[in-house]
């Protein structure tokens, strides 16, 4: 199942970050957190790109994170028109 911008996702793998706004410079595990895909990195300046962490997910107003497809599950698909 392909993911699209606007899809609601949940992080299903242990992803440790150090830039969470409420836990600065401390290890914080994102497993179980939910968010929305706001960008899928597939090109840079018009050239194809195979990013290792292609999904940009907005977890909260102040926090966005890059993850890979295998670290998330889709909760709600964006409607296609």
N, C-alpha and C. Protein backbone atom coordinates (compact mmCIF):
# COMPACT_ATOMS: atom_id res chain seq x y z
N UNK A 1 0.85 -1.18 0.00
CA UNK A 1 0.00 0.00 0.00
C UNK A 1 0.89 1.24 0.00
N UNK A 2 0.69 2.10 -0.97
CA UNK A 2 1.54 3.30 -1.05
C UNK A 2 0.99 4.40 -0.15
N UNK A 3 1.90 5.19 0.35
CA UNK A 3 1.54 6.28 1.25
C UNK A 3 1.50 7.58 0.47
N UNK A 4 0.63 8.50 0.92
CA UNK A 4 0.47 9.79 0.26
C UNK A 4 0.49 10.90 1.30
N UNK A 5 0.79 12.09 0.84
CA UNK A 5 0.72 13.26 1.71
C UNK A 5 -0.70 13.38 2.24
N UNK A 6 -0.81 13.61 3.53
CA UNK A 6 -2.11 13.73 4.18
C UNK A 6 -2.54 12.47 4.92
N UNK A 7 -1.89 11.33 4.62
CA UNK A 7 -2.23 10.09 5.32
C UNK A 7 -1.89 10.22 6.80
N UNK A 8 -2.75 9.68 7.64
CA UNK A 8 -2.52 9.65 9.09
C UNK A 8 -1.78 8.35 9.40
N UNK A 9 -0.68 8.43 10.16
CA UNK A 9 0.15 7.25 10.43
C UNK A 9 0.44 7.11 11.92
N UNK A 10 0.90 5.91 12.30
CA UNK A 10 1.40 5.63 13.65
C UNK A 10 2.79 5.04 13.49
N UNK A 11 3.72 5.47 14.33
CA UNK A 11 5.07 4.92 14.31
C UNK A 11 5.04 3.60 15.07
N UNK A 12 5.45 2.51 14.39
CA UNK A 12 5.33 1.16 14.97
C UNK A 12 6.67 0.58 15.40
N UNK A 13 7.76 1.21 15.03
CA UNK A 13 9.10 0.75 15.41
C UNK A 13 9.69 1.73 16.42
N UNK A 14 10.68 1.28 17.15
CA UNK A 14 11.37 2.16 18.07
C UNK A 14 12.24 3.12 17.26
N UNK A 15 11.94 4.42 17.36
CA UNK A 15 12.70 5.46 16.67
C UNK A 15 13.14 6.45 17.75
N UNK A 16 14.43 6.49 18.02
CA UNK A 16 14.97 7.35 19.06
C UNK A 16 15.41 8.67 18.43
N UNK A 17 14.93 9.78 18.98
CA UNK A 17 15.33 11.12 18.53
C UNK A 17 15.83 11.93 19.72
N UNK A 18 16.57 12.97 19.43
CA UNK A 18 17.11 13.86 20.46
C UNK A 18 16.64 15.30 20.27
N UNK A 19 15.69 15.51 19.35
CA UNK A 19 15.26 16.87 19.04
C UNK A 19 13.78 17.12 19.33
N UNK A 20 13.14 16.25 20.12
CA UNK A 20 11.74 16.47 20.49
C UNK A 20 11.68 17.73 21.36
N UNK A 21 10.77 18.67 21.07
CA UNK A 21 10.76 19.94 21.77
C UNK A 21 10.55 19.84 23.29
N UNK A 22 9.89 18.81 23.75
CA UNK A 22 9.65 18.66 25.19
C UNK A 22 10.74 17.83 25.88
N UNK A 23 11.65 17.26 25.11
CA UNK A 23 12.70 16.39 25.66
C UNK A 23 14.04 16.71 25.01
N UNK A 24 14.37 17.97 24.90
CA UNK A 24 15.59 18.39 24.21
C UNK A 24 16.84 17.71 24.77
N UNK A 25 17.68 17.25 23.85
CA UNK A 25 18.96 16.62 24.15
C UNK A 25 18.84 15.40 25.06
N UNK A 26 17.66 14.78 25.07
CA UNK A 26 17.44 13.53 25.79
C UNK A 26 16.91 12.53 24.78
N UNK A 27 17.28 11.27 24.97
CA UNK A 27 16.75 10.23 24.09
C UNK A 27 15.24 10.12 24.31
N UNK A 28 14.48 10.13 23.20
CA UNK A 28 13.03 10.03 23.27
C UNK A 28 12.57 9.05 22.20
N UNK A 29 11.81 8.04 22.58
CA UNK A 29 11.34 7.02 21.65
C UNK A 29 9.97 7.43 21.10
N UNK A 30 9.85 7.46 19.79
CA UNK A 30 8.61 7.87 19.12
C UNK A 30 7.62 6.74 18.92
N UNK A 31 7.96 5.51 19.28
CA UNK A 31 7.08 4.36 19.05
C UNK A 31 5.70 4.62 19.66
N UNK A 32 4.66 4.43 18.84
CA UNK A 32 3.29 4.63 19.28
C UNK A 32 2.73 6.02 18.99
N UNK A 33 3.59 6.97 18.65
CA UNK A 33 3.11 8.32 18.36
C UNK A 33 2.42 8.35 16.99
N UNK A 34 1.48 9.28 16.84
CA UNK A 34 0.74 9.41 15.60
C UNK A 34 0.99 10.77 14.98
N UNK A 35 0.85 10.83 13.66
CA UNK A 35 1.04 12.09 12.96
C UNK A 35 0.50 12.02 11.55
N UNK A 36 0.80 13.05 10.77
CA UNK A 36 0.34 13.16 9.40
C UNK A 36 1.53 13.34 8.47
N UNK A 37 1.52 12.61 7.36
CA UNK A 37 2.58 12.76 6.36
C UNK A 37 2.40 14.12 5.69
N UNK A 38 3.43 14.96 5.77
CA UNK A 38 3.34 16.28 5.15
C UNK A 38 4.24 16.42 3.93
N UNK A 39 5.15 15.45 3.73
CA UNK A 39 5.98 15.47 2.53
C UNK A 39 6.58 14.08 2.34
N UNK A 40 6.79 13.72 1.09
CA UNK A 40 7.48 12.48 0.74
C UNK A 40 8.64 12.88 -0.16
N UNK A 41 9.86 12.67 0.33
CA UNK A 41 11.05 13.10 -0.38
C UNK A 41 11.37 12.10 -1.48
N UNK A 42 11.23 12.53 -2.73
CA UNK A 42 11.52 11.63 -3.85
C UNK A 42 12.43 12.29 -4.90
N UNK A 43 12.60 13.61 -4.78
CA UNK A 43 13.51 14.29 -5.72
C UNK A 43 14.10 15.51 -5.04
N UNK A 44 15.20 15.97 -5.59
CA UNK A 44 15.87 17.18 -5.10
C UNK A 44 16.26 17.99 -6.31
N UNK A 45 15.71 19.19 -6.40
CA UNK A 45 15.94 20.08 -7.54
C UNK A 45 15.67 19.39 -8.86
N UNK A 46 14.59 18.60 -8.88
CA UNK A 46 14.16 17.93 -10.10
C UNK A 46 14.87 16.63 -10.43
N UNK A 47 15.83 16.23 -9.60
CA UNK A 47 16.55 14.98 -9.85
C UNK A 47 16.04 13.90 -8.90
N UNK A 48 15.90 12.67 -9.40
CA UNK A 48 15.42 11.57 -8.54
C UNK A 48 16.35 11.38 -7.34
N UNK A 49 15.77 11.06 -6.21
CA UNK A 49 16.52 10.90 -4.98
C UNK A 49 15.96 9.72 -4.22
N UNK A 50 16.82 8.88 -3.69
CA UNK A 50 16.35 7.77 -2.86
C UNK A 50 16.75 8.05 -1.42
N UNK A 51 15.94 8.85 -0.75
CA UNK A 51 16.22 9.23 0.64
C UNK A 51 16.07 8.01 1.55
N UNK A 52 16.94 7.90 2.54
CA UNK A 52 16.84 6.78 3.48
C UNK A 52 15.67 6.99 4.45
N UNK A 53 15.28 8.22 4.69
CA UNK A 53 14.13 8.55 5.55
C UNK A 53 13.19 9.47 4.76
N UNK A 54 12.42 8.91 3.81
CA UNK A 54 11.69 9.75 2.85
C UNK A 54 10.41 10.40 3.36
N UNK A 55 9.85 9.93 4.48
CA UNK A 55 8.58 10.49 4.95
C UNK A 55 8.82 11.58 5.98
N UNK A 56 8.27 12.76 5.73
CA UNK A 56 8.31 13.83 6.72
C UNK A 56 6.95 13.84 7.39
N UNK A 57 6.96 13.58 8.71
CA UNK A 57 5.72 13.42 9.47
C UNK A 57 5.60 14.54 10.50
N UNK A 58 4.43 15.16 10.52
CA UNK A 58 4.14 16.20 11.51
C UNK A 58 3.46 15.52 12.70
N UNK A 59 4.16 15.49 13.84
CA UNK A 59 3.63 14.88 15.05
C UNK A 59 2.82 15.92 15.83
N UNK A 60 3.32 17.14 15.91
CA UNK A 60 2.62 18.24 16.60
C UNK A 60 2.99 19.54 15.91
N UNK A 61 2.42 20.64 16.37
CA UNK A 61 2.72 21.94 15.76
C UNK A 61 4.21 22.26 15.78
N UNK A 62 4.91 21.83 16.84
CA UNK A 62 6.32 22.16 17.00
C UNK A 62 7.26 21.04 16.63
N UNK A 63 6.74 19.89 16.20
CA UNK A 63 7.63 18.74 16.02
C UNK A 63 7.33 17.98 14.73
N UNK A 64 8.34 17.90 13.87
CA UNK A 64 8.29 17.12 12.63
C UNK A 64 9.49 16.19 12.64
N UNK A 65 9.34 15.03 12.01
CA UNK A 65 10.42 14.05 12.01
C UNK A 65 10.42 13.29 10.68
N UNK A 66 11.62 12.91 10.23
CA UNK A 66 11.77 12.07 9.04
C UNK A 66 11.81 10.60 9.48
N UNK A 67 11.04 9.75 8.82
CA UNK A 67 11.03 8.31 9.10
C UNK A 67 10.98 7.55 7.77
N UNK A 68 11.19 6.24 7.85
CA UNK A 68 11.10 5.43 6.63
C UNK A 68 9.78 4.64 6.64
N UNK A 69 9.41 4.12 5.49
CA UNK A 69 8.14 3.41 5.32
C UNK A 69 7.96 2.25 6.28
N UNK A 70 9.03 1.53 6.57
CA UNK A 70 8.92 0.34 7.43
C UNK A 70 8.70 0.68 8.90
N UNK A 71 8.85 1.94 9.27
CA UNK A 71 8.69 2.35 10.66
C UNK A 71 7.28 2.82 10.99
N UNK A 72 6.40 2.86 9.99
CA UNK A 72 5.05 3.39 10.22
C UNK A 72 3.97 2.47 9.67
N UNK A 73 2.75 2.66 10.19
CA UNK A 73 1.57 2.00 9.62
C UNK A 73 0.54 3.08 9.34
N UNK A 74 -0.25 2.87 8.32
CA UNK A 74 -1.28 3.84 7.94
C UNK A 74 -2.50 3.63 8.83
N UNK A 75 -2.98 4.71 9.43
CA UNK A 75 -4.20 4.68 10.22
C UNK A 75 -5.40 5.11 9.39
N UNK A 76 -5.19 6.17 8.59
CA UNK A 76 -6.28 6.69 7.77
C UNK A 76 -5.70 7.23 6.47
N UNK A 77 -6.21 6.72 5.36
CA UNK A 77 -5.76 7.16 4.05
C UNK A 77 -6.43 8.49 3.69
N UNK A 78 -5.71 9.31 2.94
CA UNK A 78 -6.25 10.54 2.39
C UNK A 78 -7.22 10.16 1.27
N UNK A 79 -8.32 10.87 1.21
CA UNK A 79 -9.29 10.63 0.14
C UNK A 79 -8.70 11.05 -1.20
N UNK A 80 -8.86 10.22 -2.21
CA UNK A 80 -8.40 10.55 -3.57
C UNK A 80 -9.58 11.02 -4.39
N UNK A 81 -9.38 12.08 -5.13
CA UNK A 81 -10.45 12.60 -5.99
C UNK A 81 -10.06 12.49 -7.41
